[in-house]
Amino acid sequence: MNITKETQDNSTFSISLKITKEDYEPKVNKALKDYRKSAQIKGFRPGKAPLGLVQKMVGPSILMQEVDTLVSEHLSKYISDEKLNLLGQPLPSSKQQPIDPINDKVFEFFFDMAVAPEFELSLDKRTKVPFYTITVSDKMITDEIERTQNQFGKTENNEAVNENSYVKANINQLDEEGNVIEGGISTENTMLSIDLIKDKTEKKKIIGRKIGETFNLDLKKAYPNDTELSGMLGIEKDAVNDIKTPFSITLNEITTFTASEINQELFDKVYGEGIVKTEDEFKEKIKESIERIYSQESDFRFAIDAKDKILSKLKLDLPEEFLKRWIKVTNSDKELTEETLNKEYPMFEKDLQWQLVKNKIAEAQKFEISEDEIRQESRKFTEAQFAQYGLPLGSLSNEQMQTFIDKNLEKEEDRTKFAEKVIENKANSFIKDTIKLEDTIIDFEDFKKLYENA
């Protein structure tokens, strides 16, 4: 086995890995004998076929399997022995020639590699990064309480339509004489929300109506939004302009939604039985929940600003040509175009530079990851999913939560992602503690503008 290195520039190089007969012959012979023992070859009992026949049948494929294994093992050993901090993975070189397993006795493989740049990371209080604390207004608390009341509200069937009703109705288009147009617009059991009717006169026509009643309604006046009306009637938006007459409405079902009252039943549904006992405690819990979400938003924004500040000072040079080749080789999207690659490469390069910085911090600080920390990240992921779908965490028992946490960690790649998140959080905390934070109080609307202006 012989490995030689050819440097191309400061960050990229090629290696030649030469495998001789002495390297692979013992392994190939053993593999052939093992195959012979169990091979089912017509005319011979298992293990009795001539070795020469076995060689002719499977010799080339076994040879290449053993050579591939040797290449992988010695390539990994070379990277480890040389302590190479690679960017991406080794790529086959353009120097590589086709391999002939039948006639060749010596096999030579060429690989291109790239190493991460060496750099010093100096963080101190001279580095200033803004940290935004988002204020929680009384209106936010009130709005969230109303959202929670609606989330746990209930729908009841009613005999008559009121201001808060939803109705299911058959709808038929009428002509100017008030007759149903044959082949005109017609729907069945279409949902209508009474509180969304804009025209007061049209709304009065439906208030108080009962199931089975039929009456006329000018839907264009009732629902002047063309997109909303086209969806309701199942027609193209442009066709709404052609509607000139009222519609016949026949009521099939009337329901009314009632928001949940602010009481112990609601507290228990949201936070678990007996956790919250008064309205003041409920408001405080709501506020804490909003603050927790905003705290995560603040940390996320800090990570963005810290990344920009630190990378602008470091100016890390990465081998663009090599990395673009690596992206093409490893990308699962076979339709990745040069235009898309060139457009997205700057973002990829920046993320890779930041990964190098986080790795530098983790190595210097000797970060360790515990099982509890990984499970905590899994728990946060579960809580975020429940929040996304508006599901109350209070409805989960501890055993159910543990089941979700375990499920998240079943796949090794998912476990790795949670571990990487732990490292990322530790790196961001280290940066936050080391540099100078420019504390800024900001409301949520102005905070959103930070992204709009980026």
Protein backbone atom coordinates (compact mmCIF):
# COMPACT_ATOMS: atom_id res chain seq x y z
CA MET A 1 0.00 0.00 0.00
CA ASN A 2 1.44 3.35 -1.03
CA ILE A 3 -0.13 6.80 -0.50
CA THR A 4 1.36 9.96 -1.98
CA LYS A 5 0.14 13.53 -1.62
CA GLU A 6 0.16 16.34 -4.17
CA THR A 7 -0.70 19.81 -2.85
CA GLN A 8 -2.78 22.00 -5.15
CA ASP A 9 -3.12 25.14 -3.00
CA ASN A 10 -3.44 26.10 0.67
CA SER A 11 -6.69 24.23 1.17
CA THR A 12 -6.96 21.55 -1.53
CA PHE A 13 -4.74 18.61 -2.46
CA SER A 14 -4.81 15.25 -4.23
CA ILE A 15 -3.65 11.86 -3.04
CA SER A 16 -2.73 8.74 -4.96
CA LEU A 17 -3.55 5.43 -3.25
CA LYS A 18 -1.83 2.43 -4.87
CA ILE A 19 -2.92 -1.12 -4.02
CA THR A 20 -0.66 -4.02 -5.05
CA LYS A 21 -1.23 -7.76 -5.36
CA GLU A 22 0.42 -8.31 -1.98
CA ASP A 23 -2.25 -6.07 -0.40
CA TYR A 24 -5.34 -7.72 -1.79
CA GLU A 25 -4.41 -11.32 -2.73
CA PRO A 26 -4.72 -12.89 0.77
CA LYS A 27 -8.14 -11.29 1.30
CA VAL A 28 -9.38 -12.28 -2.15
CA ASN A 29 -8.24 -15.89 -1.72
CA LYS A 30 -10.00 -16.15 1.64
CA ALA A 31 -13.20 -14.61 0.22
CA LEU A 32 -13.16 -17.05 -2.73
CA LYS A 33 -12.77 -20.04 -0.40
CA ASP A 34 -15.58 -18.80 1.83
CA TYR A 35 -17.81 -18.33 -1.20
CA ARG A 36 -16.93 -21.84 -2.48
CA LYS A 37 -18.09 -23.44 0.79
CA SER A 38 -21.70 -22.31 0.40
CA ALA A 39 -22.04 -21.66 -3.34
CA GLN A 40 -24.76 -23.59 -5.18
CA ILE A 41 -23.08 -24.51 -8.49
CA LYS A 42 -24.83 -26.91 -10.84
CA GLY A 43 -23.10 -30.28 -11.00
CA PHE A 44 -21.17 -29.89 -7.76
CA ARG A 45 -21.97 -30.43 -4.10
CA PRO A 46 -21.51 -27.34 -1.88
CA GLY A 47 -17.80 -26.81 -1.23
CA LYS A 48 -16.66 -29.25 -3.95
CA ALA A 49 -16.60 -26.97 -7.03
CA PRO A 50 -13.08 -26.39 -8.41
CA LEU A 51 -11.56 -23.16 -7.10
CA GLY A 52 -10.63 -22.23 -10.66
CA LEU A 53 -14.27 -22.41 -11.69
CA VAL A 54 -15.28 -20.25 -8.74
CA GLN A 55 -12.52 -17.80 -9.70
CA LYS A 56 -13.89 -17.50 -13.23
CA MET A 57 -17.46 -17.02 -12.01
CA VAL A 58 -17.06 -14.47 -9.23
CA GLY A 59 -13.34 -13.67 -9.05
CA PRO A 60 -13.50 -10.16 -10.60
CA SER A 61 -16.46 -9.04 -8.44
CA ILE A 62 -14.88 -10.39 -5.22
CA LEU A 63 -11.59 -8.74 -6.19
CA MET A 64 -13.27 -5.35 -6.58
CA GLN A 65 -15.18 -5.78 -3.28
CA GLU A 66 -11.94 -6.42 -1.42
CA VAL A 67 -10.13 -3.59 -3.22
CA ASP A 68 -12.97 -1.18 -2.40
CA THR A 69 -12.78 -2.22 1.26
CA LEU A 70 -9.00 -1.67 1.30
CA VAL A 71 -9.40 1.77 -0.30
CA SER A 72 -12.03 2.80 2.26
CA GLU A 73 -10.01 1.50 5.23
CA HIS A 74 -6.70 3.06 4.21
CA LEU A 75 -8.30 6.33 3.15
CA SER A 76 -9.96 6.65 6.57
CA LYS A 77 -6.70 5.71 8.30
CA TYR A 78 -4.76 8.30 6.29
CA ILE A 79 -7.25 11.04 7.21
CA SER A 80 -7.09 10.01 10.88
CA ASP A 81 -3.26 9.66 11.01
CA GLU A 82 -2.75 13.02 9.33
CA LYS A 83 -5.38 14.62 11.60
CA LEU A 84 -7.08 16.23 8.57
CA ASN A 85 -10.03 18.52 9.24
CA LEU A 86 -11.75 17.89 5.92
CA LEU A 87 -14.35 20.03 4.23
CA GLY A 88 -16.96 17.74 2.75
CA GLN A 89 -15.63 14.33 1.70
CA PRO A 90 -12.86 13.01 -0.57
CA LEU A 91 -13.92 13.19 -4.22
CA PRO A 92 -12.72 11.00 -7.10
CA SER A 93 -10.11 12.94 -9.07
CA SER A 94 -10.28 13.70 -12.77
CA LYS A 95 -6.98 11.75 -12.99
CA GLN A 96 -8.79 8.52 -12.18
CA GLN A 97 -8.53 5.92 -14.95
CA PRO A 98 -10.98 3.03 -15.49
CA ILE A 99 -10.21 -0.10 -13.43
CA ASP A 100 -9.81 -3.48 -15.18
CA PRO A 101 -10.22 -6.22 -12.50
CA ILE A 102 -9.33 -8.98 -14.99
CA ASN A 103 -6.04 -7.68 -16.42
CA ASP A 104 -4.76 -5.16 -13.88
CA LYS A 105 -2.57 -6.35 -11.02
CA VAL A 106 -1.88 -2.97 -9.45
CA PHE A 107 -4.74 -0.56 -8.81
CA GLU A 108 -4.25 3.16 -8.36
CA PHE A 109 -6.93 5.50 -7.06
CA PHE A 110 -6.86 9.30 -7.05
CA PHE A 111 -8.83 11.53 -4.68
CA ASP A 112 -9.22 15.29 -4.29
CA MET A 113 -9.63 16.67 -0.78
CA ALA A 114 -10.07 20.03 0.91
CA VAL A 115 -9.14 20.98 4.47
CA ALA A 116 -10.68 23.61 6.69
CA PRO A 117 -8.67 26.82 6.97
CA GLU A 118 -6.64 27.44 10.11
CA PHE A 119 -7.80 30.49 12.05
CA GLU A 120 -7.66 32.07 15.48
CA LEU A 121 -10.94 32.96 17.14
CA SER A 122 -10.67 35.89 19.50
CA LEU A 123 -13.86 36.85 21.32
CA ASP A 124 -14.02 39.52 24.01
CA LYS A 125 -16.04 42.50 25.17
CA ARG A 126 -14.73 44.57 22.25
CA THR A 127 -17.06 42.58 20.01
CA LYS A 128 -20.53 44.13 20.27
CA VAL A 129 -23.73 42.46 19.11
CA PRO A 130 -27.30 43.68 19.72
CA PHE A 131 -29.59 41.57 21.86
CA TYR A 132 -33.30 42.32 21.54
CA THR A 133 -35.75 41.88 24.40
CA ILE A 134 -39.29 41.85 23.00
CA THR A 135 -41.92 43.50 25.16
CA VAL A 136 -45.17 41.69 25.93
CA SER A 137 -48.10 44.11 25.75
CA ASP A 138 -51.45 43.79 27.49
CA LYS A 139 -53.08 43.43 24.07
CA MET A 140 -50.90 40.41 23.29
CA ILE A 141 -52.03 38.76 26.52
CA THR A 142 -55.69 39.59 25.81
CA ASP A 143 -55.43 38.29 22.22
CA GLU A 144 -53.80 35.06 23.39
CA ILE A 145 -56.49 34.55 26.04
CA GLU A 146 -59.18 35.00 23.37
CA ARG A 147 -57.37 32.56 21.07
CA THR A 148 -57.23 30.04 23.90
CA GLN A 149 -60.94 30.55 24.67
CA ASN A 150 -61.76 29.92 21.00
CA GLN A 151 -59.47 26.89 20.87
CA PHE A 152 -61.38 25.25 23.71
CA GLY A 153 -64.79 26.58 22.72
CA LYS A 154 -67.68 24.40 21.59
CA THR A 155 -70.10 24.23 18.70
CA GLU A 156 -73.81 23.63 19.28
CA ASN A 157 -76.72 23.05 16.93
CA ASN A 158 -79.33 25.81 16.89
CA GLU A 159 -82.89 26.19 15.64
CA ALA A 160 -82.42 29.74 14.33
CA VAL A 161 -79.57 31.76 12.84
CA ASN A 162 -77.88 34.40 15.00
CA GLU A 163 -74.92 36.77 14.57
CA ASN A 164 -72.36 34.08 15.50
CA SER A 165 -73.85 31.20 13.54
CA TYR A 166 -72.37 29.02 10.85
CA VAL A 167 -74.83 27.52 8.39
CA LYS A 168 -74.71 24.79 5.77
CA ALA A 169 -76.90 25.64 2.81
CA ASN A 170 -77.81 24.64 -0.72
CA ILE A 171 -77.13 27.55 -3.06
CA ASN A 172 -78.69 28.05 -6.51
CA GLN A 173 -78.19 30.91 -8.96
CA LEU A 174 -81.36 32.83 -9.94
CA ASP A 175 -82.26 34.71 -13.11
CA GLU A 176 -83.67 38.25 -13.17
CA GLU A 177 -87.22 36.87 -12.68
CA GLY A 178 -86.13 34.97 -9.56
CA ASN A 179 -86.17 31.50 -11.11
CA VAL A 180 -83.38 28.98 -10.62
CA ILE A 181 -81.10 28.99 -13.68
CA GLU A 182 -80.85 25.53 -15.21
CA GLY A 183 -77.15 24.69 -15.46
CA GLY A 184 -76.27 27.78 -13.42
CA ILE A 185 -74.04 27.96 -10.33
CA SER A 186 -75.21 25.41 -7.78
CA THR A 187 -73.67 24.00 -4.58
CA GLU A 188 -74.80 21.74 -1.73
CA ASN A 189 -74.04 22.04 1.99
CA THR A 190 -71.82 25.07 1.51
CA MET A 191 -70.59 26.60 4.76
CA LEU A 192 -71.49 30.27 5.36
CA SER A 193 -70.17 32.30 8.27
CA ILE A 194 -72.73 34.89 9.36
CA ASP A 195 -70.29 37.21 11.11
CA LEU A 196 -68.33 37.58 7.84
CA ILE A 197 -71.33 39.03 5.94
CA LYS A 198 -70.38 42.63 5.22
CA ASP A 199 -73.68 44.13 4.07
CA LYS A 200 -76.11 44.82 6.94
CA THR A 201 -79.19 44.52 4.74
CA GLU A 202 -78.13 41.09 3.48
CA LYS A 203 -77.26 39.96 7.01
CA LYS A 204 -80.77 40.87 8.24
CA LYS A 205 -82.23 38.57 5.56
CA ILE A 206 -80.65 35.51 7.20
CA ILE A 207 -80.80 36.36 10.93
CA GLY A 208 -83.61 34.40 12.60
CA ARG A 209 -84.05 31.94 9.72
CA LYS A 210 -84.64 28.26 10.57
CA ILE A 211 -83.59 24.93 9.08
CA GLY A 212 -85.49 24.17 5.87
CA GLU A 213 -86.32 27.78 5.04
CA THR A 214 -85.50 29.10 1.55
CA PHE A 215 -84.83 32.78 0.79
CA ASN A 216 -82.86 34.95 -1.60
CA LEU A 217 -79.46 36.51 -0.83
CA ASP A 218 -77.22 38.81 -2.86
CA LEU A 219 -73.94 36.97 -2.26
CA LYS A 220 -71.82 39.61 -4.02
CA LYS A 221 -72.98 42.20 -1.50
CA ALA A 222 -72.79 39.78 1.42
CA TYR A 223 -69.26 38.58 0.58
CA PRO A 224 -67.59 41.30 -1.55
CA ASN A 225 -64.18 39.57 -1.51
CA ASP A 226 -63.93 37.89 -4.94
CA THR A 227 -61.44 35.26 -3.76
CA GLU A 228 -63.65 34.31 -0.82
CA LEU A 229 -66.79 34.14 -2.96
CA SER A 230 -65.14 32.11 -5.76
CA GLY A 231 -64.02 29.53 -3.19
CA MET A 232 -67.48 29.42 -1.64
CA LEU A 233 -69.19 28.82 -5.00
CA GLY A 234 -66.49 26.62 -6.49
CA ILE A 235 -65.90 28.85 -9.50
CA GLU A 236 -62.93 30.71 -10.99
CA LYS A 237 -62.23 34.13 -9.51
CA ASP A 238 -62.74 35.82 -12.89
CA ALA A 239 -66.23 34.31 -13.13
CA VAL A 240 -67.36 36.26 -10.05
CA ASN A 241 -67.54 39.42 -12.20
CA ASP A 242 -70.26 37.79 -14.32
CA ILE A 243 -72.62 37.33 -11.35
CA LYS A 244 -75.44 39.89 -11.63
CA THR A 245 -78.35 38.34 -9.71
CA PRO A 246 -79.12 36.98 -6.20
CA PHE A 247 -78.98 33.33 -5.14
CA SER A 248 -81.57 31.04 -3.58
CA ILE A 249 -80.42 29.85 -0.14
CA THR A 250 -81.91 26.76 1.57
CA LEU A 251 -80.70 26.16 5.14
CA ASN A 252 -79.72 22.58 6.01
CA GLU A 253 -77.85 23.03 9.29
CA ILE A 254 -77.32 25.83 11.83
CA THR A 255 -74.53 25.78 14.39
CA THR A 256 -73.15 28.40 16.75
CA PHE A 257 -69.66 28.52 18.14
CA THR A 258 -69.29 29.63 21.75
CA ALA A 259 -65.89 30.50 23.16
CA SER A 260 -64.92 28.81 26.40
CA GLU A 261 -65.50 30.77 29.58
CA ILE A 262 -62.49 31.78 31.67
CA ASN A 263 -62.94 29.33 34.51
CA GLN A 264 -61.34 26.36 36.25
CA GLU A 265 -62.42 23.99 33.48
CA LEU A 266 -60.45 26.04 30.93
CA PHE A 267 -57.41 26.33 33.25
CA ASP A 268 -57.32 22.54 33.68
CA LYS A 269 -57.65 21.86 29.95
CA VAL A 270 -54.76 24.15 29.10
CA TYR A 271 -52.28 23.52 31.93
CA GLY A 272 -53.40 20.34 33.64
CA GLU A 273 -55.64 19.79 36.62
CA GLY A 274 -55.08 22.18 39.53
CA ILE A 275 -51.95 23.86 38.08
CA VAL A 276 -53.74 27.23 37.64
CA LYS A 277 -56.51 28.26 40.03
CA THR A 278 -57.25 31.95 39.42
CA GLU A 279 -57.69 34.29 36.46
CA ASP A 280 -54.63 36.28 37.53
CA GLU A 281 -52.56 33.09 37.56
CA PHE A 282 -53.97 32.25 34.12
CA LYS A 283 -52.91 35.63 32.73
CA GLU A 284 -49.46 35.21 34.26
CA LYS A 285 -49.09 31.78 32.66
CA ILE A 286 -50.14 33.21 29.31
CA LYS A 287 -47.59 36.00 29.70
CA GLU A 288 -44.85 33.51 30.61
CA SER A 289 -45.69 31.46 27.53
CA ILE A 290 -45.41 34.51 25.24
CA GLU A 291 -42.17 35.58 26.94
CA ARG A 292 -40.73 32.11 26.44
CA ILE A 293 -41.54 32.20 22.73
CA TYR A 294 -40.13 35.70 22.40
CA SER A 295 -37.01 34.65 24.29
CA GLN A 296 -36.43 31.98 21.66
CA GLU A 297 -36.98 34.60 18.94
CA SER A 298 -34.44 36.87 20.63
CA ASP A 299 -31.88 34.08 20.83
CA PHE A 300 -32.45 33.18 17.19
CA ARG A 301 -31.92 36.80 16.13
CA PHE A 302 -28.83 37.04 18.31
CA ALA A 303 -27.37 33.97 16.58
CA ILE A 304 -27.90 35.64 13.19
CA ASP A 305 -26.31 38.92 14.26
CA ALA A 306 -23.42 37.20 16.06
CA LYS A 307 -22.75 35.06 12.98
CA ASP A 308 -22.64 38.15 10.73
CA LYS A 309 -20.38 40.07 13.12
CA ILE A 310 -17.88 37.29 13.81
CA LEU A 311 -17.63 36.05 10.21
CA SER A 312 -17.12 39.58 8.91
CA LYS A 313 -14.05 39.86 11.16
CA LEU A 314 -12.65 36.41 10.35
CA LYS A 315 -13.04 36.45 6.55
CA LEU A 316 -12.58 32.69 6.17
CA ASP A 317 -11.63 31.62 2.64
CA LEU A 318 -13.11 28.33 1.46
CA PRO A 319 -12.28 26.42 -1.75
CA GLU A 320 -15.33 27.33 -3.81
CA GLU A 321 -14.64 25.12 -6.83
CA PHE A 322 -14.12 22.00 -4.70
CA LEU A 323 -17.17 22.64 -2.53
CA LYS A 324 -19.41 23.17 -5.55
CA ARG A 325 -18.18 19.83 -6.92
CA TRP A 326 -18.93 18.21 -3.57
CA ILE A 327 -22.45 19.69 -3.48
CA LYS A 328 -23.15 18.31 -6.97
CA VAL A 329 -21.88 14.84 -6.09
CA THR A 330 -23.76 14.55 -2.79
CA ASN A 331 -26.94 16.45 -3.68
CA SER A 332 -30.00 14.21 -3.95
CA ASP A 333 -31.70 16.71 -6.28
CA LYS A 334 -30.60 15.46 -9.67
CA GLU A 335 -32.00 18.57 -11.32
CA LEU A 336 -29.65 20.95 -9.49
CA THR A 337 -28.68 23.51 -12.13
CA GLU A 338 -25.59 25.68 -12.31
CA GLU A 339 -27.81 28.73 -11.88
CA THR A 340 -29.37 27.36 -8.69
CA LEU A 341 -25.99 26.23 -7.36
CA ASN A 342 -24.40 29.63 -7.94
CA LYS A 343 -27.38 31.39 -6.37
CA GLU A 344 -27.45 29.23 -3.24
CA TYR A 345 -23.71 28.75 -2.77
CA PRO A 346 -23.11 31.97 -0.75
CA MET A 347 -25.63 30.83 1.86
CA PHE A 348 -24.08 27.35 1.96
CA GLU A 349 -20.59 28.85 2.32
CA LYS A 350 -21.69 31.10 5.17
CA ASP A 351 -23.32 28.20 7.03
CA LEU A 352 -20.17 26.12 6.61
CA GLN A 353 -17.97 28.96 7.87
CA TRP A 354 -20.21 29.28 10.93
CA GLN A 355 -20.02 25.53 11.51
CA LEU A 356 -16.23 25.85 11.63
CA VAL A 357 -16.54 28.61 14.22
CA LYS A 358 -18.91 26.54 16.39
CA ASN A 359 -16.59 23.54 16.12
CA LYS A 360 -13.66 25.74 17.17
CA ILE A 361 -15.53 26.92 20.26
CA ALA A 362 -16.72 23.39 21.13
CA GLU A 363 -13.17 22.04 20.88
CA ALA A 364 -11.62 24.87 22.90
CA GLN A 365 -14.29 24.69 25.61
CA LYS A 366 -14.33 20.87 25.61
CA PHE A 367 -18.11 20.72 25.38
CA GLU A 368 -19.66 17.42 26.38
CA ILE A 369 -23.15 16.18 25.61
CA SER A 370 -25.22 14.26 28.12
CA GLU A 371 -28.19 12.03 27.43
CA ASP A 372 -30.35 14.36 29.52
CA GLU A 373 -29.42 17.31 27.27
CA ILE A 374 -30.33 15.36 24.14
CA ARG A 375 -33.66 14.36 25.67
CA GLN A 376 -34.31 17.96 26.67
CA GLU A 377 -33.88 19.04 23.04
CA SER A 378 -36.26 16.28 22.01
CA ARG A 379 -38.75 17.60 24.57
CA LYS A 380 -38.46 21.16 23.20
CA PHE A 381 -39.10 19.80 19.71
CA THR A 382 -42.26 18.04 20.93
CA GLU A 383 -43.50 21.17 22.71
CA ALA A 384 -42.89 23.25 19.56
CA GLN A 385 -44.90 20.76 17.49
CA PHE A 386 -47.81 20.90 19.94
CA ALA A 387 -47.71 24.71 19.91
CA GLN A 388 -47.64 24.75 16.10
CA TYR A 389 -50.88 22.77 15.92
CA GLY A 390 -52.49 24.58 18.83
CA LEU A 391 -52.54 21.50 21.06
CA PRO A 392 -52.41 21.98 24.85
CA LEU A 393 -49.37 20.54 26.62
CA GLY A 394 -51.55 20.22 29.69
CA SER A 395 -53.34 17.34 27.98
CA LEU A 396 -50.12 15.27 27.99
CA SER A 397 -49.19 13.11 30.94
CA ASN A 398 -45.52 12.75 31.81
CA GLU A 399 -45.59 9.19 30.44
CA GLN A 400 -47.04 10.40 27.13
CA MET A 401 -44.40 13.12 26.88
CA GLN A 402 -41.64 10.56 27.48
CA THR A 403 -43.11 8.42 24.70
CA PHE A 404 -42.90 11.34 22.26
CA ILE A 405 -39.31 12.06 23.39
CA ASP A 406 -38.30 8.41 22.86
CA LYS A 407 -39.97 8.36 19.43
CA ASN A 408 -37.97 11.40 18.33
CA LEU A 409 -34.72 9.63 19.24
CA GLU A 410 -35.35 6.27 17.54
CA LYS A 411 -33.41 7.13 14.38
CA GLU A 412 -29.68 7.72 14.73
CA GLU A 413 -29.72 10.65 12.29
CA ASP A 414 -32.39 12.39 14.37
CA ARG A 415 -30.43 11.75 17.57
CA THR A 416 -27.40 13.31 15.86
CA LYS A 417 -29.42 16.41 14.94
CA PHE A 418 -30.51 16.88 18.56
CA ALA A 419 -26.90 16.42 19.71
CA GLU A 420 -25.76 19.05 17.21
CA LYS A 421 -28.45 21.38 18.53
CA VAL A 422 -27.07 20.94 22.05
CA ILE A 423 -23.59 21.93 20.81
CA GLU A 424 -25.03 24.89 18.93
CA ASN A 425 -26.85 26.11 22.05
CA LYS A 426 -23.68 25.78 24.13
CA ALA A 427 -21.66 27.69 21.52
CA ASN A 428 -24.24 30.49 21.35
CA SER A 429 -24.33 30.71 25.16
CA PHE A 430 -20.54 30.93 25.26
CA ILE A 431 -20.56 33.72 22.67
CA LYS A 432 -23.29 35.56 24.56
CA ASP A 433 -21.30 35.36 27.81
CA THR A 434 -18.00 36.37 26.18
CA ILE A 435 -18.86 39.34 23.98
CA LYS A 436 -20.65 42.58 24.86
CA LEU A 437 -24.42 42.56 24.42
CA GLU A 438 -26.05 45.79 23.35
CA ASP A 439 -29.39 45.33 25.14
CA THR A 440 -32.31 46.77 23.21
CA ILE A 441 -35.97 46.82 24.26
CA ILE A 442 -38.23 46.45 21.22
CA ASP A 443 -41.86 45.69 20.44
CA PHE A 444 -42.74 42.75 18.23
CA GLU A 445 -43.74 44.80 15.17
CA ASP A 446 -40.38 46.57 15.10
CA PHE A 447 -38.67 43.25 15.73
CA LYS A 448 -40.30 41.77 12.62
CA LYS A 449 -38.98 44.69 10.58
CA LEU A 450 -35.43 43.53 11.32
CA TYR A 451 -36.10 40.62 8.99
CA GLU A 452 -37.97 42.73 6.43
CA ASN A 453 -34.99 45.08 6.15
CA ALA A 454 -32.41 42.28 5.93
